Amino acid sequence: MKKYNYSKGKQGEDEARKHLVDKGFGYIESNFEIESGEIDLIMSDKDTLVFVEVKFKSDDSMGIPEEMINRRKVAQVKRIAEIYLIRNPNIRSLFARYRIDAVCILGNKIRHYQNIYA
């Protein structure tokens, strides 16, 4: 089961990265991980560093991807983003601000939500 989830998660991240790059975002890195969790994608959008949570579902039989993103998840991503900024001051210095986005993929439909913690 874990391999299935990992490969589906990787597929979703690859699709999300391509979608964002096609929209003009720059790719910085994937899967920044610490013991309390990970950030799926780190991208740039002009002068903004973007931490992206990706949720992928092949169908809606068990709900939609947006239902998997709640306050707790957003707070976790924010904490990890702050640690990333502390550990990577050289990258932080390149950007005026940062935000958290979500990319939700259901089958072949991709929805991008900007600034989800606001």
C-alpha atoms as a PDB file:
ATOM      1  CA  MET A   1       0.000   0.000   0.000  1.00  0.00           C
ATOM      2  CA  LYS A   2       2.793   2.441   0.844  1.00  0.00           C
ATOM      3  CA  LYS A   3       4.406   2.047  -2.601  1.00  0.00           C
ATOM      4  CA  TYR A   4       1.044   2.790  -4.217  1.00  0.00           C
ATOM      5  CA  ASN A   5       0.630   5.964  -2.145  1.00  0.00           C
ATOM      6  CA  TYR A   6       4.198   7.045  -2.817  1.00  0.00           C
ATOM      7  CA  SER A   7       3.907   6.562  -6.578  1.00  0.00           C
ATOM      8  CA  LYS A   8       0.527   8.334  -6.694  1.00  0.00           C
ATOM      9  CA  GLY A   9       1.938  11.167  -4.588  1.00  0.00           C
ATOM     10  CA  LYS A  10       4.972  11.444  -6.865  1.00  0.00           C
ATOM     11  CA  GLN A  11       2.703  11.459  -9.922  1.00  0.00           C
ATOM     12  CA  GLY A  12       0.639  14.258  -8.389  1.00  0.00           C
ATOM     13  CA  GLU A  13       3.721  16.293  -7.515  1.00  0.00           C
ATOM     14  CA  ASP A  14       5.098  15.884 -11.040  1.00  0.00           C
ATOM     15  CA  GLU A  15       1.796  17.029 -12.552  1.00  0.00           C
ATOM     16  CA  ALA A  16       1.564  19.971 -10.139  1.00  0.00           C
ATOM     17  CA  ARG A  17       5.149  21.047 -10.871  1.00  0.00           C
ATOM     18  CA  LYS A  18       4.542  20.927 -14.625  1.00  0.00           C
ATOM     19  CA  HIS A  19       1.296  22.869 -14.255  1.00  0.00           C
ATOM     20  CA  LEU A  20       2.980  25.597 -12.200  1.00  0.00           C
ATOM     21  CA  VAL A  21       5.997  25.833 -14.507  1.00  0.00           C
ATOM     22  CA  ASP A  22       3.611  26.160 -17.450  1.00  0.00           C
ATOM     23  CA  LYS A  23       1.995  29.083 -15.570  1.00  0.00           C
ATOM     24  CA  GLY A  24       5.399  30.794 -15.285  1.00  0.00           C
ATOM     25  CA  PHE A  25       6.528  29.622 -11.845  1.00  0.00           C
ATOM     26  CA  GLY A  26      10.156  28.691 -11.237  1.00  0.00           C
ATOM     27  CA  TYR A  27      11.022  25.318  -9.710  1.00  0.00           C
ATOM     28  CA  ILE A  28      13.323  25.375  -6.677  1.00  0.00           C
ATOM     29  CA  GLU A  29      13.018  21.948  -5.034  1.00  0.00           C
ATOM     30  CA  SER A  30      10.737  19.071  -4.041  1.00  0.00           C
ATOM     31  CA  ASN A  31      10.079  17.191  -0.849  1.00  0.00           C
ATOM     32  CA  PHE A  32      11.783  19.342   1.776  1.00  0.00           C
ATOM     33  CA  GLU A  33      11.446  17.025   4.739  1.00  0.00           C
ATOM     34  CA  ILE A  34      11.938  17.324   8.475  1.00  0.00           C
ATOM     35  CA  GLU A  35      10.810  14.918  11.165  1.00  0.00           C
ATOM     36  CA  SER A  36       7.412  16.626  11.589  1.00  0.00           C
ATOM     37  CA  GLY A  37       6.497  16.560   7.895  1.00  0.00           C
ATOM     38  CA  GLU A  38       7.385  17.788   4.435  1.00  0.00           C
ATOM     39  CA  ILE A  39       6.648  20.420   1.848  1.00  0.00           C
ATOM     40  CA  ASP A  40       5.838  18.894  -1.520  1.00  0.00           C
ATOM     41  CA  LEU A  41       7.103  21.663  -3.806  1.00  0.00           C
ATOM     42  CA  ILE A  42       9.014  24.893  -3.369  1.00  0.00           C
ATOM     43  CA  MET A  43       8.538  27.254  -6.286  1.00  0.00           C
ATOM     44  CA  SER A  44       8.991  30.917  -7.140  1.00  0.00           C
ATOM     45  CA  ASP A  45       6.361  33.293  -8.475  1.00  0.00           C
ATOM     46  CA  LYS A  46       8.169  36.500  -9.433  1.00  0.00           C
ATOM     47  CA  ASP A  47       9.447  37.942  -6.121  1.00  0.00           C
ATOM     48  CA  THR A  48       7.495  35.452  -3.977  1.00  0.00           C
ATOM     49  CA  LEU A  49       8.739  32.133  -2.635  1.00  0.00           C
ATOM     50  CA  VAL A  50       5.864  29.634  -2.820  1.00  0.00           C
ATOM     51  CA  PHE A  51       5.482  26.553  -0.629  1.00  0.00           C
ATOM     52  CA  VAL A  52       3.058  24.176  -2.328  1.00  0.00           C
ATOM     53  CA  GLU A  53       0.948  21.436  -0.786  1.00  0.00           C
ATOM     54  CA  VAL A  54      -0.123  18.917  -3.431  1.00  0.00           C
ATOM     55  CA  LYS A  55      -3.147  16.662  -3.042  1.00  0.00           C
ATOM     56  CA  PHE A  56      -3.908  14.051  -5.703  1.00  0.00           C
ATOM     57  CA  LYS A  57      -6.858  11.710  -6.097  1.00  0.00           C
ATOM     58  CA  SER A  58      -7.566   9.639  -9.162  1.00  0.00           C
ATOM     59  CA  ASP A  59     -11.334   9.796  -8.529  1.00  0.00           C
ATOM     60  CA  ASP A  60     -13.798  11.273  -6.044  1.00  0.00           C
ATOM     61  CA  SER A  61     -15.124   8.002  -4.605  1.00  0.00           C
ATOM     62  CA  MET A  62     -13.411   8.839  -1.295  1.00  0.00           C
ATOM     63  CA  GLY A  63     -13.886  12.601  -1.453  1.00  0.00           C
ATOM     64  CA  ILE A  64     -12.091  15.425  -3.210  1.00  0.00           C
ATOM     65  CA  PRO A  65      -8.481  16.552  -2.669  1.00  0.00           C
ATOM     66  CA  GLU A  66      -9.529  19.872  -1.124  1.00  0.00           C
ATOM     67  CA  GLU A  67     -11.082  17.974   1.788  1.00  0.00           C
ATOM     68  CA  MET A  68      -7.612  16.791   2.752  1.00  0.00           C
ATOM     69  CA  ILE A  69      -6.411  20.338   3.459  1.00  0.00           C
ATOM     70  CA  ASN A  70      -7.512  21.666   6.811  1.00  0.00           C
ATOM     71  CA  ARG A  71      -6.261  24.252   9.340  1.00  0.00           C
ATOM     72  CA  ARG A  72      -3.957  21.732  10.963  1.00  0.00           C
ATOM     73  CA  LYS A  73      -2.352  20.814   7.634  1.00  0.00           C
ATOM     74  CA  VAL A  74      -1.875  24.463   6.663  1.00  0.00           C
ATOM     75  CA  ALA A  75      -0.347  25.223  10.089  1.00  0.00           C
ATOM     76  CA  GLN A  76       2.044  22.281   9.649  1.00  0.00           C
ATOM     77  CA  VAL A  77       3.145  23.511   6.210  1.00  0.00           C
ATOM     78  CA  LYS A  78       3.650  27.021   7.628  1.00  0.00           C
ATOM     79  CA  ARG A  79       5.864  25.679  10.457  1.00  0.00           C
ATOM     80  CA  ILE A  80       7.948  23.656   8.006  1.00  0.00           C
ATOM     81  CA  ALA A  81       8.190  26.664   5.650  1.00  0.00           C
ATOM     82  CA  GLU A  82       9.536  28.791   8.499  1.00  0.00           C
ATOM     83  CA  ILE A  83      12.169  26.151   9.260  1.00  0.00           C
ATOM     84  CA  TYR A  84      13.083  26.033   5.563  1.00  0.00           C
ATOM     85  CA  LEU A  85      13.583  29.813   5.570  1.00  0.00           C
ATOM     86  CA  ILE A  86      15.836  29.621   8.633  1.00  0.00           C
ATOM     87  CA  ARG A  87      17.909  26.798   7.132  1.00  0.00           C
ATOM     88  CA  ASN A  88      18.167  28.472   3.707  1.00  0.00           C
ATOM     89  CA  PRO A  89      18.935  32.163   4.275  1.00  0.00           C
ATOM     90  CA  ASN A  90      20.526  32.429   0.825  1.00  0.00           C
ATOM     91  CA  ILE A  91      17.226  31.485  -0.835  1.00  0.00           C
ATOM     92  CA  ARG A  92      15.192  33.606   1.597  1.00  0.00           C
ATOM     93  CA  SER A  93      17.256  36.671   0.699  1.00  0.00           C
ATOM     94  CA  LEU A  94      16.184  36.360  -2.964  1.00  0.00           C
ATOM     95  CA  PHE A  95      12.476  36.876  -2.240  1.00  0.00           C
ATOM     96  CA  ALA A  96      10.463  39.767  -0.829  1.00  0.00           C
ATOM     97  CA  ARG A  97       7.796  37.490   0.656  1.00  0.00           C
ATOM     98  CA  TYR A  98       6.480  33.961   0.803  1.00  0.00           C
ATOM     99  CA  ARG A  99       3.103  32.281   0.631  1.00  0.00           C
ATOM    100  CA  ILE A 100       1.517  28.853   0.818  1.00  0.00           C
ATOM    101  CA  ASP A 101      -0.418  27.507  -2.171  1.00  0.00           C
ATOM    102  CA  ALA A 102      -2.238  24.244  -2.797  1.00  0.00           C
ATOM    103  CA  VAL A 103      -2.552  22.284  -5.992  1.00  0.00           C
ATOM    104  CA  CYS A 104      -5.433  19.817  -5.948  1.00  0.00           C
ATOM    105  CA  ILE A 105      -5.639  17.202  -8.661  1.00  0.00           C
ATOM    106  CA  LEU A 106      -8.717  15.086  -9.244  1.00  0.00           C
ATOM    107  CA  GLY A 107      -8.278  12.755 -12.193  1.00  0.00           C
ATOM    108  CA  ASN A 108      -7.098  15.051 -14.972  1.00  0.00           C
ATOM    109  CA  LYS A 109      -8.436  18.293 -13.446  1.00  0.00           C
ATOM    110  CA  ILE A 110      -5.925  20.559 -11.724  1.00  0.00           C
ATOM    111  CA  ARG A 111      -6.963  23.374  -9.406  1.00  0.00           C
ATOM    112  CA  HIS A 112      -4.425  25.855  -8.023  1.00  0.00           C
ATOM    113  CA  TYR A 113      -5.260  27.833  -4.877  1.00  0.00           C
ATOM    114  CA  GLN A 114      -2.992  30.732  -3.939  1.00  0.00           C
ATOM    115  CA  ASN A 115      -2.271  32.033  -0.451  1.00  0.00           C
ATOM    116  CA  ILE A 116      -4.299  29.368   1.348  1.00  0.00           C
ATOM    117  CA  TYR A 117      -3.377  30.456   4.875  1.00  0.00           C
ATOM    118  CA  ALA A 118      -4.764  33.972   4.561  1.00  0.00           C
END
